PDB file of all heavy atoms in Angstrom:
ATOM      1  N   ILE A   1     -11.231 -17.268   0.834  1.00  0.00           N
ATOM      2  CA  ILE A   1     -10.010 -16.790   1.473  1.00  0.00           C
ATOM      3  C   ILE A   1      -9.915 -15.286   1.279  1.00  0.00           C
ATOM      4  O   ILE A   1     -10.023 -14.783   0.163  1.00  0.00           O
ATOM      5  CB  ILE A   1      -8.759 -17.477   0.879  1.00  0.00           C
ATOM      6  CG1 ILE A   1      -8.812 -18.990   1.104  1.00  0.00           C
ATOM      7  CG2 ILE A   1      -7.488 -16.898   1.501  1.00  0.00           C
ATOM      8  CD1 ILE A   1      -7.647 -19.760   0.481  1.00  0.00           C
ATOM      9  N   VAL A   2      -9.727 -14.581   2.383  1.00  0.00           N
ATOM     10  CA  VAL A   2      -9.574 -13.127   2.353  1.00  0.00           C
ATOM     11  C   VAL A   2      -8.184 -12.781   2.870  1.00  0.00           C
ATOM     12  O   VAL A   2      -7.790 -13.240   3.935  1.00  0.00           O
ATOM     13  CB  VAL A   2     -10.635 -12.421   3.217  1.00  0.00           C
ATOM     14  CG1 VAL A   2     -10.469 -10.904   3.140  1.00  0.00           C
ATOM     15  CG2 VAL A   2     -12.043 -12.827   2.791  1.00  0.00           C
ATOM     16  N   GLY A   3      -7.459 -11.994   2.088  1.00  0.00           N
ATOM     17  CA  GLY A   3      -6.160 -11.522   2.532  1.00  0.00           C
ATOM     18  C   GLY A   3      -6.225 -10.051   2.872  1.00  0.00           C
ATOM     19  O   GLY A   3      -7.243  -9.382   2.684  1.00  0.00           O
ATOM     20  N   VAL A   4      -5.137  -9.545   3.415  1.00  0.00           N
ATOM     21  CA  VAL A   4      -5.025  -8.114   3.660  1.00  0.00           C
ATOM     22  C   VAL A   4      -3.851  -7.595   2.848  1.00  0.00           C
ATOM     23  O   VAL A   4      -2.872  -8.296   2.644  1.00  0.00           O
ATOM     24  CB  VAL A   4      -4.830  -7.788   5.159  1.00  0.00           C
ATOM     25  CG1 VAL A   4      -6.021  -8.232   5.958  1.00  0.00           C
ATOM     26  CG2 VAL A   4      -3.570  -8.407   5.710  1.00  0.00           C
ATOM     27  N   GLU A   5      -3.987  -6.382   2.373  1.00  0.00           N
ATOM     28  CA  GLU A   5      -2.873  -5.747   1.676  1.00  0.00           C
ATOM     29  C   GLU A   5      -2.892  -4.266   2.032  1.00  0.00           C
ATOM     30  O   GLU A   5      -3.944  -3.725   2.399  1.00  0.00           O
ATOM     31  CB  GLU A   5      -2.977  -5.929   0.161  1.00  0.00           C
ATOM     32  CG  GLU A   5      -4.204  -5.305  -0.459  1.00  0.00           C
ATOM     33  CD  GLU A   5      -4.322  -5.571  -1.954  1.00  0.00           C
ATOM     34  OE1 GLU A   5      -3.700  -6.522  -2.453  1.00  0.00           O
ATOM     35  OE2 GLU A   5      -5.048  -4.812  -2.615  1.00  0.00           O
ATOM     36  N   PRO A   6      -1.750  -3.624   1.981  1.00  0.00           N
ATOM     37  CA  PRO A   6      -1.725  -2.194   2.313  1.00  0.00           C
ATOM     38  C   PRO A   6      -2.731  -1.421   1.476  1.00  0.00           C
ATOM     39  O   PRO A   6      -2.880  -1.650   0.272  1.00  0.00           O
ATOM     40  CB  PRO A   6      -0.286  -1.796   1.977  1.00  0.00           C
ATOM     41  CG  PRO A   6       0.498  -3.054   2.185  1.00  0.00           C
ATOM     42  CD  PRO A   6      -0.409  -4.158   1.711  1.00  0.00           C
ATOM     43  N   GLY A   7      -3.438  -0.490   2.121  1.00  0.00           N
ATOM     44  CA  GLY A   7      -4.564   0.210   1.491  1.00  0.00           C
ATOM     45  C   GLY A   7      -4.129   1.331   0.556  1.00  0.00           C
ATOM     46  O   GLY A   7      -4.442   2.504   0.803  1.00  0.00           O
ATOM     47  N   LEU A   8      -3.453   0.978  -0.517  1.00  0.00           N
ATOM     48  CA  LEU A   8      -2.967   2.002  -1.443  1.00  0.00           C
ATOM     49  C   LEU A   8      -4.115   2.698  -2.170  1.00  0.00           C
ATOM     50  O   LEU A   8      -4.069   3.922  -2.375  1.00  0.00           O
ATOM     51  CB  LEU A   8      -1.994   1.395  -2.463  1.00  0.00           C
ATOM     52  CG  LEU A   8      -0.772   0.653  -1.921  1.00  0.00           C
ATOM     53  CD1 LEU A   8       0.244   0.437  -3.041  1.00  0.00           C
ATOM     54  CD2 LEU A   8      -0.133   1.376  -0.757  1.00  0.00           C
ATOM     55  N   LYS A   9      -5.129   1.944  -2.548  1.00  0.00           N
ATOM     56  CA  LYS A   9      -6.262   2.563  -3.266  1.00  0.00           C
ATOM     57  C   LYS A   9      -7.014   3.549  -2.377  1.00  0.00           C
ATOM     58  O   LYS A   9      -7.242   4.699  -2.783  1.00  0.00           O
ATOM     59  CB  LYS A   9      -7.197   1.479  -3.813  1.00  0.00           C
ATOM     60  CG  LYS A   9      -6.582   0.650  -4.933  1.00  0.00           C
ATOM     61  CD  LYS A   9      -7.530  -0.449  -5.392  1.00  0.00           C
ATOM     62  CE  LYS A   9      -6.876  -1.333  -6.436  1.00  0.00           C
ATOM     63  NZ  LYS A   9      -7.767  -2.457  -6.835  1.00  0.00           N
ATOM     64  N   PRO A  10      -7.440   3.144  -1.165  1.00  0.00           N
ATOM     65  CA  PRO A  10      -8.109   4.133  -0.306  1.00  0.00           C
ATOM     66  C   PRO A  10      -7.194   5.290   0.081  1.00  0.00           C
ATOM     67  O   PRO A  10      -7.656   6.412   0.280  1.00  0.00           O
ATOM     68  CB  PRO A  10      -8.551   3.323   0.921  1.00  0.00           C
ATOM     69  CG  PRO A  10      -7.800   2.045   0.857  1.00  0.00           C
ATOM     70  CD  PRO A  10      -7.490   1.794  -0.570  1.00  0.00           C
ATOM     71  N   ALA A  11      -5.884   5.043   0.152  1.00  0.00           N
ATOM     72  CA  ALA A  11      -4.949   6.122   0.474  1.00  0.00           C
ATOM     73  C   ALA A  11      -4.922   7.152  -0.651  1.00  0.00           C
ATOM     74  O   ALA A  11      -4.928   8.363  -0.400  1.00  0.00           O
ATOM     75  CB  ALA A  11      -3.553   5.560   0.712  1.00  0.00           C
ATOM     76  N   ALA A  12      -4.898   6.675  -1.881  1.00  0.00           N
ATOM     77  CA  ALA A  12      -4.902   7.596  -3.018  1.00  0.00           C
ATOM     78  C   ALA A  12      -6.184   8.417  -3.041  1.00  0.00           C
ATOM     79  O   ALA A  12      -6.171   9.604  -3.376  1.00  0.00           O
ATOM     80  CB  ALA A  12      -4.739   6.816  -4.325  1.00  0.00           C
ATOM     81  N   ALA A  13      -7.295   7.791  -2.661  1.00  0.00           N
ATOM     82  CA  ALA A  13      -8.573   8.512  -2.635  1.00  0.00           C
ATOM     83  C   ALA A  13      -8.603   9.537  -1.502  1.00  0.00           C
ATOM     84  O   ALA A  13      -9.221  10.602  -1.638  1.00  0.00           O
ATOM     85  CB  ALA A  13      -9.719   7.521  -2.477  1.00  0.00           C
ATOM     86  N   ALA A  14      -7.920   9.237  -0.402  1.00  0.00           N
ATOM     87  CA  ALA A  14      -7.957  10.130   0.753  1.00  0.00           C
ATOM     88  C   ALA A  14      -6.969  11.288   0.634  1.00  0.00           C
ATOM     89  O   ALA A  14      -7.176  12.354   1.229  1.00  0.00           O
ATOM     90  CB  ALA A  14      -7.650   9.341   2.033  1.00  0.00           C
ATOM     91  N   SER A  15      -5.904  11.095  -0.134  1.00  0.00           N
ATOM     92  CA  SER A  15      -4.840  12.092  -0.197  1.00  0.00           C
ATOM     93  C   SER A  15      -5.262  13.318  -0.996  1.00  0.00           C
ATOM     94  O   SER A  15      -5.917  13.208  -2.029  1.00  0.00           O
ATOM     95  CB  SER A  15      -3.589  11.478  -0.830  1.00  0.00           C
ATOM     96  OG  SER A  15      -2.570  12.446  -0.969  1.00  0.00           O
ATOM     97  N   HIS A  16      -4.859  14.481  -0.505  1.00  0.00           N
ATOM     98  CA  HIS A  16      -5.138  15.731  -1.218  1.00  0.00           C
ATOM     99  C   HIS A  16      -3.987  16.135  -2.131  1.00  0.00           C
ATOM    100  O   HIS A  16      -4.204  16.749  -3.174  1.00  0.00           O
ATOM    101  CB  HIS A  16      -5.415  16.860  -0.212  1.00  0.00           C
ATOM    102  CG  HIS A  16      -6.640  16.647   0.607  1.00  0.00           C
ATOM    103  ND1 HIS A  16      -7.914  16.645   0.070  1.00  0.00           N
ATOM    104  CD2 HIS A  16      -6.792  16.400   1.935  1.00  0.00           C
ATOM    105  CE1 HIS A  16      -8.800  16.411   1.031  1.00  0.00           C
ATOM    106  NE2 HIS A  16      -8.147  16.264   2.168  1.00  0.00           N
ATOM    107  N   ASN A  17      -2.761  15.785  -1.742  1.00  0.00           N
ATOM    108  CA  ASN A  17      -1.617  16.202  -2.557  1.00  0.00           C
ATOM    109  C   ASN A  17      -0.938  15.054  -3.302  1.00  0.00           C
ATOM    110  O   ASN A  17       0.052  15.257  -4.006  1.00  0.00           O
ATOM    111  CB  ASN A  17      -0.593  16.956  -1.700  1.00  0.00           C
ATOM    112  CG  ASN A  17       0.078  16.054  -0.656  1.00  0.00           C
ATOM    113  OD1 ASN A  17      -0.099  14.845  -0.643  1.00  0.00           O
ATOM    114  ND2 ASN A  17       0.859  16.669   0.230  1.00  0.00           N
ATOM    115  N   GLY A  18      -1.465  13.828  -3.128  1.00  0.00           N
ATOM    116  CA  GLY A  18      -0.925  12.693  -3.868  1.00  0.00           C
ATOM    117  C   GLY A  18       0.392  12.155  -3.346  1.00  0.00           C
ATOM    118  O   GLY A  18       1.015  11.310  -3.989  1.00  0.00           O
ATOM    119  N   LYS A  19       0.802  12.582  -2.153  1.00  0.00           N
ATOM    120  CA  LYS A  19       2.032  12.073  -1.546  1.00  0.00           C
ATOM    121  C   LYS A  19       1.665  11.193  -0.354  1.00  0.00           C
ATOM    122  O   LYS A  19       1.092  11.667   0.623  1.00  0.00           O
ATOM    123  CB  LYS A  19       2.925  13.225  -1.088  1.00  0.00           C
ATOM    124  CG  LYS A  19       3.466  14.081  -2.227  1.00  0.00           C
ATOM    125  CD  LYS A  19       4.367  15.193  -1.703  1.00  0.00           C
ATOM    126  CE  LYS A  19       4.907  16.046  -2.846  1.00  0.00           C
ATOM    127  NZ  LYS A  19       5.774  17.144  -2.342  1.00  0.00           N
ATOM    128  N   ILE A  20       2.015   9.916  -0.474  1.00  0.00           N
ATOM    129  CA  ILE A  20       1.537   8.922   0.492  1.00  0.00           C
ATOM    130  C   ILE A  20       2.706   8.110   1.018  1.00  0.00           C
ATOM    131  O   ILE A  20       3.528   7.606   0.239  1.00  0.00           O
ATOM    132  CB  ILE A  20       0.506   7.986  -0.180  1.00  0.00           C
ATOM    133  CG1 ILE A  20      -0.701   8.805  -0.664  1.00  0.00           C
ATOM    134  CG2 ILE A  20       0.080   6.872   0.760  1.00  0.00           C
ATOM    135  CD1 ILE A  20      -1.526   8.115  -1.708  1.00  0.00           C
ATOM    136  N   GLY A  21       2.792   7.984   2.328  1.00  0.00           N
ATOM    137  CA  GLY A  21       3.796   7.130   2.951  1.00  0.00           C
ATOM    138  C   GLY A  21       3.199   5.772   3.272  1.00  0.00           C
ATOM    139  O   GLY A  21       2.058   5.671   3.721  1.00  0.00           O
ATOM    140  N   VAL A  22       3.969   4.728   3.018  1.00  0.00           N
ATOM    141  CA  VAL A  22       3.509   3.360   3.284  1.00  0.00           C
ATOM    142  C   VAL A  22       4.429   2.745   4.337  1.00  0.00           C
ATOM    143  O   VAL A  22       5.617   2.497   4.082  1.00  0.00           O
ATOM    144  CB  VAL A  22       3.516   2.494   2.012  1.00  0.00           C
ATOM    145  CG1 VAL A  22       2.974   1.094   2.313  1.00  0.00           C
ATOM    146  CG2 VAL A  22       2.698   3.159   0.903  1.00  0.00           C
ATOM    147  N   LEU A  23       3.893   2.497   5.526  1.00  0.00           N
ATOM    148  CA  LEU A  23       4.622   1.864   6.616  1.00  0.00           C
ATOM    149  C   LEU A  23       4.346   0.367   6.580  1.00  0.00           C
ATOM    150  O   LEU A  23       3.194  -0.057   6.635  1.00  0.00           O
ATOM    151  CB  LEU A  23       4.180   2.435   7.966  1.00  0.00           C
ATOM    152  CG  LEU A  23       4.233   3.955   8.123  1.00  0.00           C
ATOM    153  CD1 LEU A  23       3.586   4.372   9.444  1.00  0.00           C
ATOM    154  CD2 LEU A  23       5.670   4.448   8.058  1.00  0.00           C
ATOM    155  N   ALA A  24       5.390  -0.450   6.479  1.00  0.00           N
ATOM    156  CA  ALA A  24       5.180  -1.896   6.381  1.00  0.00           C
ATOM    157  C   ALA A  24       6.483  -2.614   6.712  1.00  0.00           C
ATOM    158  O   ALA A  24       7.518  -1.980   6.954  1.00  0.00           O
ATOM    159  CB  ALA A  24       4.688  -2.279   4.979  1.00  0.00           C
ATOM    160  N   THR A  25       6.436  -3.940   6.706  1.00  0.00           N
ATOM    161  CA  THR A  25       7.642  -4.738   6.918  1.00  0.00           C
ATOM    162  C   THR A  25       8.466  -4.767   5.634  1.00  0.00           C
ATOM    163  O   THR A  25       7.958  -4.511   4.540  1.00  0.00           O
ATOM    164  CB  THR A  25       7.304  -6.183   7.316  1.00  0.00           C
ATOM    165  OG1 THR A  25       6.657  -6.836   6.217  1.00  0.00           O
ATOM    166  CG2 THR A  25       6.385  -6.215   8.538  1.00  0.00           C
ATOM    167  N   GLU A  26       9.724  -5.123   5.788  1.00  0.00           N
ATOM    168  CA  GLU A  26      10.601  -5.223   4.613  1.00  0.00           C
ATOM    169  C   GLU A  26      10.048  -6.220   3.603  1.00  0.00           C
ATOM    170  O   GLU A  26      10.047  -5.965   2.397  1.00  0.00           O
ATOM    171  CB  GLU A  26      12.004  -5.648   5.047  1.00  0.00           C
ATOM    172  CG  GLU A  26      12.856  -4.545   5.641  1.00  0.00           C
ATOM    173  CD  GLU A  26      14.290  -4.996   5.815  1.00  0.00           C
ATOM    174  OE1 GLU A  26      14.524  -5.847   6.691  1.00  0.00           O
ATOM    175  OE2 GLU A  26      15.158  -4.495   5.083  1.00  0.00           O
ATOM    176  N   ARG A  27       9.593  -7.369   4.093  1.00  0.00           N
ATOM    177  CA  ARG A  27       9.105  -8.415   3.188  1.00  0.00           C
ATOM    178  C   ARG A  27       7.891  -7.941   2.405  1.00  0.00           C
ATOM    179  O   ARG A  27       7.784  -8.172   1.201  1.00  0.00           O
ATOM    180  CB  ARG A  27       8.778  -9.682   4.000  1.00  0.00           C
ATOM    181  CG  ARG A  27       7.995 -10.773   3.281  1.00  0.00           C
ATOM    182  CD  ARG A  27       8.625 -11.229   2.000  1.00  0.00           C
ATOM    183  NE  ARG A  27       9.996 -11.686   2.158  1.00  0.00           N
ATOM    184  CZ  ARG A  27      10.841 -11.852   1.157  1.00  0.00           C
ATOM    185  NH1 ARG A  27      10.449 -11.559  -0.071  1.00  0.00           N
ATOM    186  NH2 ARG A  27      12.056 -12.294   1.362  1.00  0.00           N
ATOM    187  N   THR A  28       6.971  -7.263   3.060  1.00  0.00           N
ATOM    188  CA  THR A  28       5.796  -6.734   2.362  1.00  0.00           C
ATOM    189  C   THR A  28       6.211  -5.759   1.279  1.00  0.00           C
ATOM    190  O   THR A  28       5.717  -5.815   0.140  1.00  0.00           O
ATOM    191  CB  THR A  28       4.847  -6.038   3.359  1.00  0.00           C
ATOM    192  OG1 THR A  28       4.269  -7.019   4.220  1.00  0.00           O
ATOM    193  CG2 THR A  28       3.722  -5.308   2.631  1.00  0.00           C
ATOM    194  N   LEU A  29       7.130  -4.868   1.590  1.00  0.00           N
ATOM    195  CA  LEU A  29       7.506  -3.819   0.645  1.00  0.00           C
ATOM    196  C   LEU A  29       8.329  -4.351  -0.521  1.00  0.00           C
ATOM    197  O   LEU A  29       8.399  -3.707  -1.571  1.00  0.00           O
ATOM    198  CB  LEU A  29       8.277  -2.709   1.368  1.00  0.00           C
ATOM    199  CG  LEU A  29       7.475  -1.944   2.426  1.00  0.00           C
ATOM    200  CD1 LEU A  29       8.329  -0.873   3.082  1.00  0.00           C
ATOM    201  CD2 LEU A  29       6.220  -1.314   1.812  1.00  0.00           C
ATOM    202  N   ARG A  30       8.931  -5.527  -0.347  1.00  0.00           N
ATOM    203  CA  ARG A  30       9.694  -6.130  -1.449  1.00  0.00           C
ATOM    204  C   ARG A  30       8.835  -7.029  -2.321  1.00  0.00           C
ATOM    205  O   ARG A  30       9.265  -7.456  -3.391  1.00  0.00           O
ATOM    206  CB  ARG A  30      10.861  -6.962  -0.894  1.00  0.00           C
ATOM    207  CG  ARG A  30      11.990  -6.152  -0.304  1.00  0.00           C
ATOM    208  CD  ARG A  30      13.275  -6.977  -0.274  1.00  0.00           C
ATOM    209  NE  ARG A  30      13.095  -8.258   0.401  1.00  0.00           N
ATOM    210  CZ  ARG A  30      13.374  -8.473   1.688  1.00  0.00           C
ATOM    211  NH1 ARG A  30      13.810  -7.472   2.441  1.00  0.00           N
ATOM    212  NH2 ARG A  30      13.197  -9.667   2.211  1.00  0.00           N
ATOM    213  N   GLY A  31       7.617  -7.334  -1.861  1.00  0.00           N
ATOM    214  CA  GLY A  31       6.781  -8.306  -2.569  1.00  0.00           C
ATOM    215  C   GLY A  31       6.314  -7.805  -3.930  1.00  0.00           C
ATOM    216  O   GLY A  31       5.953  -6.640  -4.098  1.00  0.00           O
ATOM    217  N   GLU A  32       6.300  -8.697  -4.899  1.00  0.00           N
ATOM    218  CA  GLU A  32       5.868  -8.335  -6.256  1.00  0.00           C
ATOM    219  C   GLU A  32       4.432  -7.824  -6.266  1.00  0.00           C
ATOM    220  O   GLU A  32       4.092  -6.907  -7.022  1.00  0.00           O
ATOM    221  CB  GLU A  32       5.999  -9.546  -7.197  1.00  0.00           C
ATOM    222  CG  GLU A  32       7.436  -9.934  -7.504  1.00  0.00           C
ATOM    223  CD  GLU A  32       7.512 -11.096  -8.479  1.00  0.00           C
ATOM    224  OE1 GLU A  32       6.470 -11.435  -9.078  1.00  0.00           O
ATOM    225  OE2 GLU A  32       8.604 -11.679  -8.623  1.00  0.00           O
ATOM    226  N   LYS A  33       3.591  -8.406  -5.436  1.00  0.00           N
ATOM    227  CA  LYS A  33       2.180  -8.017  -5.394  1.00  0.00           C
ATOM    228  C   LYS A  33       2.032  -6.556  -4.970  1.00  0.00           C
ATOM    229  O   LYS A  33       1.277  -5.795  -5.577  1.00  0.00           O
ATOM    230  CB  LYS A  33       1.432  -8.944  -4.424  1.00  0.00           C
ATOM    231  CG  LYS A  33      -0.080  -8.744  -4.359  1.00  0.00           C
ATOM    232  CD  LYS A  33      -0.671  -9.770  -3.409  1.00  0.00           C
ATOM    233  CE  LYS A  33      -2.120  -9.506  -3.081  1.00  0.00           C
ATOM    234  NZ  LYS A  33      -3.019  -9.724  -4.202  1.00  0.00           N
ATOM    235  N   LEU A  34       2.790  -6.148  -3.950  1.00  0.00           N
ATOM    236  CA  LEU A  34       2.735  -4.763  -3.480  1.00  0.00           C
ATOM    237  C   LEU A  34       3.302  -3.810  -4.525  1.00  0.00           C
ATOM    238  O   LEU A  34       2.715  -2.753  -4.808  1.00  0.00           O
ATOM    239  CB  LEU A  34       3.491  -4.636  -2.158  1.00  0.00           C
ATOM    240  CG  LEU A  34       3.522  -3.311  -1.382  1.00  0.00           C
ATOM    241  CD1 LEU A  34       4.559  -2.328  -1.935  1.00  0.00           C
ATOM    242  CD2 LEU A  34       2.149  -2.664  -1.332  1.00  0.00           C
ATOM    243  N   LEU A  35       4.408  -4.180  -5.119  1.00  0.00           N
ATOM    244  CA  LEU A  35       5.038  -3.299  -6.112  1.00  0.00           C
ATOM    245  C   LEU A  35       4.141  -3.153  -7.349  1.00  0.00           C
ATOM    246  O   LEU A  35       4.047  -2.075  -7.933  1.00  0.00           O
ATOM    247  CB  LEU A  35       6.411  -3.842  -6.488  1.00  0.00           C
ATOM    248  CG  LEU A  35       7.430  -3.860  -5.336  1.00  0.00           C
ATOM    249  CD1 LEU A  35       8.735  -4.515  -5.782  1.00  0.00           C
ATOM    250  CD2 LEU A  35       7.691  -2.454  -4.816  1.00  0.00           C
ATOM    251  N   ALA A  36       3.476  -4.241  -7.734  1.00  0.00           N
ATOM    252  CA  ALA A  36       2.548  -4.164  -8.864  1.00  0.00           C
ATOM    253  C   ALA A  36       1.350  -3.293  -8.518  1.00  0.00           C
ATOM    254  O   ALA A  36       0.871  -2.507  -9.357  1.00  0.00           O
ATOM    255  CB  ALA A  36       2.090  -5.572  -9.263  1.00  0.00           C
TER     256      ALA A  36
END
């Protein structure tokens, strides 16, 4: 089983100034998995 999750790790690697916006649904952004 393969899931998808917002690409926070690749975003951190790509960012030059460390400021990253995450566009997602309310449910995704409230999820414990995303917050962890």
